[in-house]
C-alpha cells in the first residue's frame, strides 16, 4: 500500500470542499458552531456542545491529534466547507476497522443543523467515500446507524450505501447496548 498523505487530501464537489482541519480554520469553525440553531433531534447535540470547549488551543491540539491518528492509520477526519464562501458546515470521519485482507472502515458524519435540508449530507458522504476508496485504499466502508436516526439512514442511502443488516446489541451508548443498522458500500474497482 502506498503511504497516505493525509494533510494534502482535498476532495471538491460541486458545492463543497472536504479536507483535513487546519489550525487557521479555528475562526471559521467557531463561527459555524455559533450559527447553529437550537437542537432539532437527539442526534444533534455533539456539535452544539462542542462550541463550549472550542478554543484556539483546543483546535490546535485537535489538529495535532488528528494528524497522529492518520499517521497511525486509526482515523481520518475531514471538515467540510462550502466552496464559494468557505463556511464550515460539518464533517466526516473514516475510522479503520481492519486492514490486512479486509481493508475495512467505518464512516461517521455530521452536518451543522443550519445546513440541514440542502443535500449537503449526501454530497459530503459521497465525497468521503471516494476519498476512502481512492486515497485511503479501503475496499469496504460501513455506517453504523441507530434504528431511529432516519436522517442518517437517508443520507447513507442517498450516498449509495445499502442496508446490509441490523446488528443486535452492537454499540454501548447511554448506559445500554443498542441495535444498529449497518449500511455498506464496497469499492467495485479494487
N, C-alpha and C. Protein backbone atom coordinates (compact mmCIF):
# COMPACT_ATOMS: atom_id res chain seq x y z
N UNK A 1 0.84 -1.18 0.00
CA UNK A 1 0.00 0.00 0.00
C UNK A 1 0.88 1.24 0.00
N UNK A 2 0.52 2.21 -0.82
CA UNK A 2 1.26 3.47 -0.87
C UNK A 2 1.05 4.25 0.43
N UNK A 3 2.07 5.03 0.86
CA UNK A 3 1.88 5.89 2.04
C UNK A 3 0.75 6.90 1.79
N UNK A 4 0.03 7.21 2.85
CA UNK A 4 -1.10 8.13 2.75
C UNK A 4 -0.65 9.52 3.18
N UNK A 5 -0.88 10.50 2.34
CA UNK A 5 -0.52 11.88 2.64
C UNK A 5 -1.77 12.62 3.11
N UNK A 6 -2.19 12.32 4.33
CA UNK A 6 -3.45 12.82 4.89
C UNK A 6 -3.59 14.34 4.78
N UNK A 7 -2.59 15.06 5.15
CA UNK A 7 -2.65 16.53 5.20
C UNK A 7 -3.04 17.14 3.85
N UNK A 8 -2.65 16.50 2.78
CA UNK A 8 -2.90 17.06 1.45
C UNK A 8 -4.10 16.46 0.74
N UNK A 9 -4.90 15.67 1.43
CA UNK A 9 -6.10 15.13 0.80
C UNK A 9 -7.16 16.22 0.77
N UNK A 10 -7.59 16.56 -0.41
CA UNK A 10 -8.66 17.54 -0.60
C UNK A 10 -9.59 17.00 -1.67
N UNK A 11 -10.87 16.95 -1.37
CA UNK A 11 -11.88 16.49 -2.33
C UNK A 11 -12.88 17.61 -2.52
N UNK A 12 -13.03 18.05 -3.76
CA UNK A 12 -14.01 19.09 -4.08
C UNK A 12 -15.19 18.49 -4.81
N UNK A 13 -16.38 18.96 -4.46
CA UNK A 13 -17.59 18.59 -5.17
C UNK A 13 -18.13 19.86 -5.82
N UNK A 14 -19.30 19.78 -6.36
CA UNK A 14 -19.90 20.96 -6.99
C UNK A 14 -20.03 22.13 -6.00
N UNK A 15 -20.37 21.80 -4.73
CA UNK A 15 -20.63 22.85 -3.76
C UNK A 15 -19.72 22.83 -2.54
N UNK A 16 -18.93 21.77 -2.37
CA UNK A 16 -18.22 21.58 -1.11
C UNK A 16 -16.74 21.29 -1.29
N UNK A 17 -16.00 21.55 -0.21
CA UNK A 17 -14.60 21.15 -0.10
C UNK A 17 -14.50 20.28 1.15
N UNK A 18 -13.94 19.09 1.00
CA UNK A 18 -13.75 18.14 2.09
C UNK A 18 -12.24 18.00 2.27
N UNK A 19 -11.75 18.36 3.49
CA UNK A 19 -10.30 18.34 3.71
C UNK A 19 -10.00 18.26 5.20
N UNK A 20 -8.74 17.91 5.56
CA UNK A 20 -8.36 17.89 6.97
C UNK A 20 -8.46 19.28 7.60
N UNK A 21 -8.68 19.30 8.90
CA UNK A 21 -8.72 20.55 9.66
C UNK A 21 -7.33 21.17 9.70
N UNK A 22 -7.30 22.48 9.60
CA UNK A 22 -6.05 23.24 9.75
C UNK A 22 -6.20 24.18 10.94
N UNK A 23 -5.08 24.55 11.52
CA UNK A 23 -5.14 25.46 12.67
C UNK A 23 -5.81 26.78 12.31
N UNK A 24 -5.62 27.25 11.09
CA UNK A 24 -6.23 28.53 10.71
C UNK A 24 -7.73 28.42 10.41
N UNK A 25 -8.31 27.24 10.59
CA UNK A 25 -9.76 27.06 10.45
C UNK A 25 -10.51 27.44 11.72
N UNK A 26 -9.78 27.75 12.79
CA UNK A 26 -10.40 27.97 14.09
C UNK A 26 -11.60 28.93 14.02
N UNK A 27 -11.42 30.11 13.47
CA UNK A 27 -12.49 31.11 13.47
C UNK A 27 -13.66 30.66 12.61
N UNK A 28 -13.38 30.08 11.45
CA UNK A 28 -14.44 29.62 10.55
C UNK A 28 -15.26 28.52 11.21
N UNK A 29 -14.60 27.58 11.86
CA UNK A 29 -15.32 26.50 12.54
C UNK A 29 -16.10 27.05 13.72
N UNK A 30 -15.48 27.91 14.51
CA UNK A 30 -16.18 28.50 15.66
C UNK A 30 -17.43 29.27 15.20
N UNK A 31 -17.30 30.04 14.12
CA UNK A 31 -18.45 30.79 13.60
C UNK A 31 -19.57 29.86 13.14
N UNK A 32 -19.20 28.75 12.51
CA UNK A 32 -20.21 27.77 12.10
C UNK A 32 -20.92 27.16 13.30
N UNK A 33 -20.14 26.83 14.33
CA UNK A 33 -20.73 26.27 15.55
C UNK A 33 -21.67 27.27 16.21
N UNK A 34 -21.28 28.54 16.24
CA UNK A 34 -22.11 29.59 16.85
C UNK A 34 -23.41 29.81 16.10
N UNK A 35 -23.40 29.60 14.79
CA UNK A 35 -24.57 29.89 13.96
C UNK A 35 -25.63 28.79 13.99
N UNK A 36 -25.37 27.70 14.72
CA UNK A 36 -26.34 26.61 14.79
C UNK A 36 -27.62 27.07 15.46
N UNK A 37 -28.72 26.47 15.04
CA UNK A 37 -29.99 26.69 15.70
C UNK A 37 -30.09 25.80 16.93
N UNK A 38 -31.21 25.87 17.61
CA UNK A 38 -31.43 25.00 18.76
C UNK A 38 -31.45 23.55 18.32
N UNK A 39 -31.18 22.66 19.25
CA UNK A 39 -31.13 21.23 18.98
C UNK A 39 -32.44 20.77 18.35
N UNK A 40 -32.34 20.05 17.23
CA UNK A 40 -33.51 19.60 16.49
C UNK A 40 -33.83 18.12 16.71
N UNK A 41 -32.86 17.34 17.16
CA UNK A 41 -33.09 15.93 17.45
C UNK A 41 -32.06 15.48 18.48
N UNK A 42 -32.23 14.28 19.01
CA UNK A 42 -31.27 13.81 20.00
C UNK A 42 -29.91 13.53 19.38
N UNK A 43 -29.83 13.45 18.06
CA UNK A 43 -28.55 13.23 17.38
C UNK A 43 -27.89 14.54 16.97
N UNK A 44 -28.46 15.63 17.41
CA UNK A 44 -28.00 16.97 17.04
C UNK A 44 -27.39 17.68 18.23
N UNK A 45 -26.68 16.95 19.08
CA UNK A 45 -26.18 17.59 20.29
C UNK A 45 -24.67 17.75 20.34
N UNK A 46 -23.92 16.88 19.70
CA UNK A 46 -22.47 16.91 19.86
C UNK A 46 -21.84 18.20 19.34
N UNK A 47 -22.23 18.66 18.17
CA UNK A 47 -21.64 19.88 17.64
C UNK A 47 -22.13 21.12 18.40
N UNK A 48 -23.34 21.07 18.91
CA UNK A 48 -23.84 22.18 19.74
C UNK A 48 -23.01 22.27 21.02
N UNK A 49 -22.75 21.13 21.64
CA UNK A 49 -21.95 21.11 22.87
C UNK A 49 -20.49 21.44 22.62
N UNK A 50 -19.99 21.15 21.43
CA UNK A 50 -18.58 21.40 21.11
C UNK A 50 -18.23 22.88 21.22
N UNK A 51 -19.17 23.76 20.94
CA UNK A 51 -18.90 25.19 20.99
C UNK A 51 -18.33 25.62 22.34
N UNK A 52 -18.81 25.03 23.42
CA UNK A 52 -18.35 25.41 24.76
C UNK A 52 -16.86 25.16 24.95
N UNK A 53 -16.31 24.11 24.36
CA UNK A 53 -14.90 23.79 24.55
C UNK A 53 -14.03 24.19 23.36
N UNK A 54 -14.63 24.76 22.33
CA UNK A 54 -13.88 25.02 21.11
C UNK A 54 -13.10 26.33 21.23
N UNK A 55 -11.86 26.21 21.70
CA UNK A 55 -10.96 27.34 21.82
C UNK A 55 -9.85 27.19 20.78
N UNK A 56 -9.04 28.22 20.66
CA UNK A 56 -7.92 28.15 19.73
C UNK A 56 -6.94 27.03 20.14
N UNK A 57 -6.72 26.88 21.43
CA UNK A 57 -5.84 25.81 21.92
C UNK A 57 -6.44 24.44 21.62
N UNK A 58 -7.75 24.31 21.84
CA UNK A 58 -8.42 23.04 21.54
C UNK A 58 -8.25 22.71 20.05
N UNK A 59 -8.44 23.69 19.18
CA UNK A 59 -8.30 23.48 17.74
C UNK A 59 -6.90 23.00 17.40
N UNK A 60 -5.89 23.68 17.93
CA UNK A 60 -4.50 23.31 17.65
C UNK A 60 -4.21 21.89 18.12
N UNK A 61 -4.62 21.56 19.35
CA UNK A 61 -4.41 20.21 19.88
C UNK A 61 -5.16 19.18 19.06
N UNK A 62 -6.37 19.53 18.63
CA UNK A 62 -7.18 18.62 17.83
C UNK A 62 -6.51 18.33 16.49
N UNK A 63 -5.98 19.35 15.85
CA UNK A 63 -5.27 19.16 14.57
C UNK A 63 -4.11 18.21 14.76
N UNK A 64 -3.32 18.41 15.81
CA UNK A 64 -2.17 17.54 16.06
C UNK A 64 -2.60 16.10 16.34
N UNK A 65 -3.67 15.94 17.11
CA UNK A 65 -4.18 14.59 17.40
C UNK A 65 -4.66 13.91 16.12
N UNK A 66 -5.36 14.65 15.27
CA UNK A 66 -5.88 14.07 14.03
C UNK A 66 -4.75 13.66 13.09
N UNK A 67 -3.70 14.43 13.05
CA UNK A 67 -2.54 14.06 12.22
C UNK A 67 -1.92 12.77 12.75
N UNK A 68 -1.83 12.64 14.07
CA UNK A 68 -1.27 11.42 14.65
C UNK A 68 -2.17 10.22 14.39
N UNK A 69 -3.48 10.39 14.53
CA UNK A 69 -4.41 9.29 14.22
C UNK A 69 -4.24 8.82 12.78
N UNK A 70 -4.08 9.76 11.87
CA UNK A 70 -3.88 9.41 10.46
C UNK A 70 -2.55 8.68 10.27
N UNK A 71 -1.48 9.19 10.89
CA UNK A 71 -0.18 8.51 10.79
C UNK A 71 -0.26 7.07 11.29
N UNK A 72 -1.06 6.87 12.34
CA UNK A 72 -1.22 5.53 12.92
C UNK A 72 -2.27 4.69 12.17
N UNK A 73 -2.87 5.26 11.13
CA UNK A 73 -3.91 4.60 10.33
C UNK A 73 -5.10 4.17 11.18
N UNK A 74 -5.44 5.00 12.18
CA UNK A 74 -6.59 4.71 13.04
C UNK A 74 -7.84 5.44 12.57
N UNK A 75 -7.68 6.71 12.17
CA UNK A 75 -8.84 7.51 11.78
C UNK A 75 -8.38 8.69 10.93
N UNK A 76 -9.29 9.12 10.06
CA UNK A 76 -9.04 10.25 9.17
C UNK A 76 -10.27 11.15 9.24
N UNK A 77 -10.09 12.33 9.85
CA UNK A 77 -11.22 13.25 9.97
C UNK A 77 -11.07 14.38 8.97
N UNK A 78 -12.19 14.73 8.35
CA UNK A 78 -12.23 15.80 7.37
C UNK A 78 -13.34 16.77 7.72
N UNK A 79 -13.02 18.05 7.66
CA UNK A 79 -14.04 19.10 7.82
C UNK A 79 -14.60 19.41 6.44
N UNK A 80 -15.82 19.89 6.43
CA UNK A 80 -16.49 20.19 5.17
C UNK A 80 -16.87 21.67 5.16
N UNK A 81 -16.54 22.33 4.06
CA UNK A 81 -16.77 23.75 3.88
C UNK A 81 -17.50 23.99 2.56
N UNK A 82 -18.32 25.02 2.52
CA UNK A 82 -18.90 25.44 1.23
C UNK A 82 -17.75 25.98 0.39
N UNK A 83 -17.72 25.62 -0.88
CA UNK A 83 -16.57 26.05 -1.69
C UNK A 83 -16.69 27.48 -2.19
N UNK A 84 -17.84 28.12 -2.05
CA UNK A 84 -17.96 29.50 -2.50
C UNK A 84 -17.46 30.48 -1.45
N UNK A 85 -18.05 30.43 -0.24
CA UNK A 85 -17.63 31.38 0.79
C UNK A 85 -16.80 30.77 1.90
N UNK A 86 -16.55 29.47 1.87
CA UNK A 86 -15.70 28.84 2.88
C UNK A 86 -16.37 28.56 4.20
N UNK A 87 -17.69 28.66 4.27
CA UNK A 87 -18.43 28.41 5.51
C UNK A 87 -18.27 26.96 5.95
N UNK A 88 -17.98 26.75 7.23
CA UNK A 88 -17.90 25.41 7.81
C UNK A 88 -19.31 24.87 7.98
N UNK A 89 -19.56 23.64 7.47
CA UNK A 89 -20.91 23.07 7.56
C UNK A 89 -20.97 21.72 8.27
N UNK A 90 -19.84 21.03 8.43
CA UNK A 90 -19.89 19.73 9.07
C UNK A 90 -18.61 18.96 8.87
N UNK A 91 -18.72 17.63 8.95
CA UNK A 91 -17.53 16.83 8.78
C UNK A 91 -17.82 15.36 8.62
N UNK A 92 -16.76 14.64 8.31
CA UNK A 92 -16.82 13.18 8.19
C UNK A 92 -15.57 12.60 8.85
N UNK A 93 -15.73 11.40 9.37
CA UNK A 93 -14.58 10.69 9.91
C UNK A 93 -14.60 9.28 9.35
N UNK A 94 -13.45 8.83 8.95
CA UNK A 94 -13.28 7.48 8.42
C UNK A 94 -12.33 6.77 9.38
N UNK A 95 -12.84 5.73 10.05
CA UNK A 95 -12.07 5.00 11.05
C UNK A 95 -11.69 3.63 10.50
N UNK A 96 -10.45 3.28 10.69
CA UNK A 96 -10.00 1.95 10.27
C UNK A 96 -10.58 0.90 11.21
N UNK A 97 -11.26 -0.08 10.64
CA UNK A 97 -11.72 -1.22 11.41
C UNK A 97 -10.69 -2.35 11.29
N UNK A 98 -10.30 -2.65 10.07
CA UNK A 98 -9.35 -3.74 9.83
C UNK A 98 -8.66 -3.48 8.49
N UNK A 99 -7.37 -3.66 8.45
CA UNK A 99 -6.63 -3.57 7.18
C UNK A 99 -6.37 -5.00 6.70
N UNK A 100 -5.17 -5.40 6.51
CA UNK A 100 -4.77 -6.74 6.05
C UNK A 100 -5.65 -7.19 4.89
N UNK A 101 -6.33 -8.33 5.03
CA UNK A 101 -7.13 -8.89 3.94
C UNK A 101 -8.50 -8.25 3.79
N UNK A 102 -8.84 -7.31 4.67
CA UNK A 102 -10.18 -6.74 4.67
C UNK A 102 -10.25 -5.34 4.06
N UNK A 103 -9.32 -4.45 4.44
CA UNK A 103 -9.36 -3.05 4.00
C UNK A 103 -10.74 -2.46 4.28
N UNK A 104 -11.08 -2.44 5.55
CA UNK A 104 -12.44 -2.19 6.01
C UNK A 104 -12.46 -0.97 6.93
N UNK A 105 -13.41 -0.05 6.70
CA UNK A 105 -13.51 1.18 7.50
C UNK A 105 -14.95 1.48 7.88
N UNK A 106 -15.08 2.30 8.91
CA UNK A 106 -16.38 2.83 9.33
C UNK A 106 -16.39 4.32 9.02
N UNK A 107 -17.53 4.83 8.57
CA UNK A 107 -17.67 6.25 8.32
C UNK A 107 -18.71 6.84 9.26
N UNK A 108 -18.40 8.02 9.77
CA UNK A 108 -19.34 8.79 10.57
C UNK A 108 -19.42 10.18 9.97
N UNK A 109 -20.53 10.85 10.17
CA UNK A 109 -20.71 12.17 9.55
C UNK A 109 -21.65 13.03 10.38
N UNK A 110 -21.46 14.33 10.26
CA UNK A 110 -22.32 15.29 10.94
C UNK A 110 -22.45 16.53 10.08
N UNK A 111 -23.59 17.17 10.23
CA UNK A 111 -23.89 18.38 9.48
C UNK A 111 -24.49 19.38 10.47
N UNK A 112 -23.92 20.56 10.55
CA UNK A 112 -24.46 21.58 11.44
C UNK A 112 -25.91 21.85 11.05
N UNK A 113 -26.78 21.99 12.05
CA UNK A 113 -28.22 21.98 11.77
C UNK A 113 -28.73 23.15 10.94
N UNK A 114 -27.99 24.23 10.85
CA UNK A 114 -28.43 25.34 10.00
C UNK A 114 -28.28 25.00 8.51
N UNK A 115 -27.64 23.87 8.21
CA UNK A 115 -27.43 23.47 6.81
C UNK A 115 -28.24 22.24 6.42
N UNK A 116 -29.11 21.77 7.31
CA UNK A 116 -29.94 20.61 7.02
C UNK A 116 -30.90 20.92 5.87
N UNK A 117 -31.26 19.89 5.14
CA UNK A 117 -32.30 20.01 4.11
C UNK A 117 -31.83 20.55 2.78
N UNK A 118 -30.52 20.63 2.56
CA UNK A 118 -29.99 21.17 1.30
C UNK A 118 -29.23 20.13 0.48
N UNK A 119 -29.21 18.88 0.93
CA UNK A 119 -28.49 17.82 0.21
C UNK A 119 -27.00 17.79 0.48
N UNK A 120 -26.53 18.60 1.43
CA UNK A 120 -25.10 18.63 1.72
C UNK A 120 -24.62 17.32 2.34
N UNK A 121 -25.47 16.69 3.16
CA UNK A 121 -25.06 15.46 3.84
C UNK A 121 -24.64 14.38 2.87
N UNK A 122 -25.50 14.07 1.92
CA UNK A 122 -25.15 13.00 0.97
C UNK A 122 -24.01 13.43 0.06
N UNK A 123 -23.93 14.71 -0.26
CA UNK A 123 -22.84 15.19 -1.11
C UNK A 123 -21.48 15.01 -0.42
N UNK A 124 -21.43 15.34 0.87
CA UNK A 124 -20.16 15.21 1.57
C UNK A 124 -19.82 13.74 1.86
N UNK A 125 -20.83 12.91 2.12
CA UNK A 125 -20.56 11.49 2.36
C UNK A 125 -20.09 10.81 1.08
N UNK A 126 -20.68 11.14 -0.05
CA UNK A 126 -20.20 10.59 -1.34
C UNK A 126 -18.74 10.97 -1.56
N UNK A 127 -18.40 12.22 -1.27
CA UNK A 127 -17.01 12.67 -1.44
C UNK A 127 -16.08 11.91 -0.50
N UNK A 128 -16.53 11.69 0.74
CA UNK A 128 -15.71 10.97 1.72
C UNK A 128 -15.54 9.50 1.32
N UNK A 129 -16.56 8.90 0.77
CA UNK A 129 -16.44 7.51 0.30
C UNK A 129 -15.42 7.44 -0.83
N UNK A 130 -15.44 8.42 -1.72
CA UNK A 130 -14.45 8.48 -2.79
C UNK A 130 -13.04 8.58 -2.21
N UNK A 131 -12.87 9.40 -1.19
CA UNK A 131 -11.57 9.51 -0.51
C UNK A 131 -11.20 8.17 0.14
N UNK A 132 -12.15 7.54 0.80
CA UNK A 132 -11.89 6.25 1.46
C UNK A 132 -11.39 5.22 0.46
N UNK A 133 -11.98 5.18 -0.71
CA UNK A 133 -11.59 4.20 -1.72
C UNK A 133 -10.31 4.59 -2.46
N UNK A 134 -10.24 5.82 -2.91
CA UNK A 134 -9.17 6.20 -3.83
C UNK A 134 -7.93 6.80 -3.17
N UNK A 135 -8.06 7.37 -2.00
CA UNK A 135 -6.91 7.96 -1.30
C UNK A 135 -6.44 7.08 -0.13
N UNK A 136 -7.41 6.50 0.58
CA UNK A 136 -7.08 5.72 1.78
C UNK A 136 -7.05 4.23 1.50
N UNK A 137 -7.47 3.83 0.32
CA UNK A 137 -7.34 2.45 -0.18
C UNK A 137 -8.15 1.42 0.61
N UNK A 138 -9.33 1.83 1.09
CA UNK A 138 -10.23 0.87 1.71
C UNK A 138 -11.05 0.18 0.62
N UNK A 139 -11.47 -1.04 0.91
CA UNK A 139 -12.34 -1.78 -0.01
C UNK A 139 -13.80 -1.68 0.43
N UNK A 140 -14.02 -1.64 1.74
CA UNK A 140 -15.38 -1.65 2.29
C UNK A 140 -15.54 -0.52 3.29
N UNK A 141 -16.66 0.19 3.20
CA UNK A 141 -16.99 1.26 4.13
C UNK A 141 -18.37 0.96 4.71
N UNK A 142 -18.47 1.05 6.04
CA UNK A 142 -19.73 0.82 6.74
C UNK A 142 -20.14 2.07 7.51
N UNK A 143 -21.45 2.28 7.62
CA UNK A 143 -22.01 3.28 8.53
C UNK A 143 -22.88 2.53 9.53
N UNK A 144 -22.67 2.78 10.82
CA UNK A 144 -23.45 2.13 11.88
C UNK A 144 -24.44 3.17 12.40
N UNK A 145 -25.72 2.91 12.18
CA UNK A 145 -26.74 3.94 12.41
C UNK A 145 -27.82 3.42 13.35
N UNK A 146 -28.18 4.24 14.35
CA UNK A 146 -29.27 3.88 15.26
C UNK A 146 -30.57 3.70 14.48
N UNK A 147 -31.41 2.80 14.97
CA UNK A 147 -32.65 2.46 14.28
C UNK A 147 -33.58 3.66 14.12
N UNK A 148 -33.53 4.60 15.05
CA UNK A 148 -34.44 5.75 14.98
C UNK A 148 -33.81 6.99 14.34
N UNK A 149 -32.60 6.86 13.80
CA UNK A 149 -31.94 8.01 13.17
C UNK A 149 -32.24 8.01 11.66
N UNK A 150 -33.45 8.39 11.34
CA UNK A 150 -33.95 8.35 9.97
C UNK A 150 -33.14 9.26 9.04
N UNK A 151 -32.77 10.43 9.51
CA UNK A 151 -32.00 11.36 8.67
C UNK A 151 -30.67 10.76 8.25
N UNK A 152 -29.99 10.10 9.18
CA UNK A 152 -28.70 9.48 8.86
C UNK A 152 -28.89 8.30 7.91
N UNK A 153 -29.96 7.54 8.09
CA UNK A 153 -30.25 6.43 7.18
C UNK A 153 -30.46 6.95 5.76
N UNK A 154 -31.21 8.03 5.62
CA UNK A 154 -31.45 8.61 4.29
C UNK A 154 -30.16 9.13 3.67
N UNK A 155 -29.31 9.74 4.50
CA UNK A 155 -28.01 10.23 4.00
C UNK A 155 -27.19 9.07 3.46
N UNK A 156 -27.13 7.97 4.21
CA UNK A 156 -26.37 6.80 3.76
C UNK A 156 -26.93 6.28 2.44
N UNK A 157 -28.24 6.15 2.36
CA UNK A 157 -28.87 5.64 1.14
C UNK A 157 -28.60 6.56 -0.05
N UNK A 158 -28.75 7.86 0.14
CA UNK A 158 -28.51 8.82 -0.96
C UNK A 158 -27.04 8.87 -1.37
N UNK A 159 -26.18 8.36 -0.50
CA UNK A 159 -24.74 8.33 -0.80
C UNK A 159 -24.33 7.04 -1.50
N UNK A 160 -25.29 6.17 -1.77
CA UNK A 160 -25.00 4.93 -2.47
C UNK A 160 -24.80 3.73 -1.58
N UNK A 161 -24.96 3.91 -0.27
CA UNK A 161 -24.79 2.79 0.65
C UNK A 161 -26.09 1.98 0.72
N UNK A 162 -25.94 0.70 1.00
CA UNK A 162 -27.09 -0.21 1.09
C UNK A 162 -27.18 -0.80 2.48
N UNK A 163 -28.41 -0.98 2.95
CA UNK A 163 -28.62 -1.62 4.25
C UNK A 163 -28.22 -3.09 4.13
N UNK A 164 -27.28 -3.50 4.96
CA UNK A 164 -26.83 -4.89 4.95
C UNK A 164 -27.52 -5.73 6.02
N UNK A 165 -27.62 -5.16 7.24
CA UNK A 165 -28.19 -5.92 8.34
C UNK A 165 -28.47 -5.00 9.52
N UNK A 166 -29.07 -5.58 10.53
CA UNK A 166 -29.20 -4.91 11.82
C UNK A 166 -28.38 -5.74 12.80
N UNK A 167 -27.41 -5.11 13.43
CA UNK A 167 -26.59 -5.80 14.44
C UNK A 167 -27.21 -5.54 15.81
N UNK A 168 -27.56 -6.61 16.47
CA UNK A 168 -28.22 -6.53 17.78
C UNK A 168 -27.19 -6.24 18.87
N UNK A 169 -27.60 -5.40 19.83
CA UNK A 169 -26.74 -5.04 20.97
C UNK A 169 -25.32 -4.72 20.51
N UNK A 170 -25.21 -3.86 19.54
CA UNK A 170 -23.94 -3.62 18.84
C UNK A 170 -23.08 -2.55 19.48
N UNK A 171 -23.67 -1.44 19.90
CA UNK A 171 -22.90 -0.32 20.44
C UNK A 171 -23.45 0.07 21.81
N UNK A 172 -22.53 0.27 22.75
CA UNK A 172 -22.92 0.68 24.10
C UNK A 172 -23.00 2.20 24.14
N UNK A 173 -24.19 2.73 24.35
CA UNK A 173 -24.38 4.18 24.45
C UNK A 173 -25.56 4.47 25.37
N UNK A 174 -25.45 5.57 26.07
CA UNK A 174 -26.49 5.99 27.01
C UNK A 174 -26.87 4.86 27.98
N UNK A 175 -25.86 4.18 28.51
CA UNK A 175 -25.99 3.16 29.54
C UNK A 175 -26.71 1.88 29.11
N UNK A 176 -26.73 1.61 27.81
CA UNK A 176 -27.31 0.33 27.36
C UNK A 176 -26.75 -0.04 25.98
N UNK A 177 -26.88 -1.29 25.65
CA UNK A 177 -26.46 -1.77 24.33
C UNK A 177 -27.57 -1.48 23.34
N UNK A 178 -27.21 -0.90 22.20
CA UNK A 178 -28.20 -0.53 21.20
C UNK A 178 -28.01 -1.33 19.92
N UNK A 179 -29.12 -1.54 19.23
CA UNK A 179 -29.09 -2.15 17.91
C UNK A 179 -28.70 -1.07 16.90
N UNK A 180 -27.99 -1.47 15.86
CA UNK A 180 -27.62 -0.52 14.81
C UNK A 180 -27.86 -1.13 13.44
N UNK A 181 -28.33 -0.28 12.54
CA UNK A 181 -28.42 -0.66 11.14
C UNK A 181 -27.02 -0.50 10.55
N UNK A 182 -26.62 -1.44 9.72
CA UNK A 182 -25.31 -1.38 9.10
C UNK A 182 -25.52 -1.16 7.60
N UNK A 183 -25.10 0.03 7.16
CA UNK A 183 -25.12 0.37 5.73
C UNK A 183 -23.71 0.18 5.20
N UNK A 184 -23.59 -0.36 3.99
CA UNK A 184 -22.28 -0.66 3.43
C UNK A 184 -22.17 -0.22 1.98
N UNK A 185 -20.94 -0.03 1.58
CA UNK A 185 -20.61 0.15 0.18
C UNK A 185 -19.21 -0.43 -0.03
N UNK A 186 -19.05 -1.17 -1.09
CA UNK A 186 -17.75 -1.76 -1.43
C UNK A 186 -17.18 -1.06 -2.65
N UNK A 187 -15.87 -0.99 -2.68
CA UNK A 187 -15.18 -0.42 -3.83
C UNK A 187 -15.15 -1.49 -4.93
N UNK A 188 -15.92 -1.30 -5.96
CA UNK A 188 -16.00 -2.29 -7.03
C UNK A 188 -14.80 -2.22 -7.95
N UNK A 189 -13.96 -1.19 -7.79
CA UNK A 189 -12.77 -1.04 -8.63
C UNK A 189 -11.52 -1.66 -8.00
N UNK A 190 -11.60 -2.06 -6.73
CA UNK A 190 -10.40 -2.59 -6.06
C UNK A 190 -10.22 -4.07 -6.32
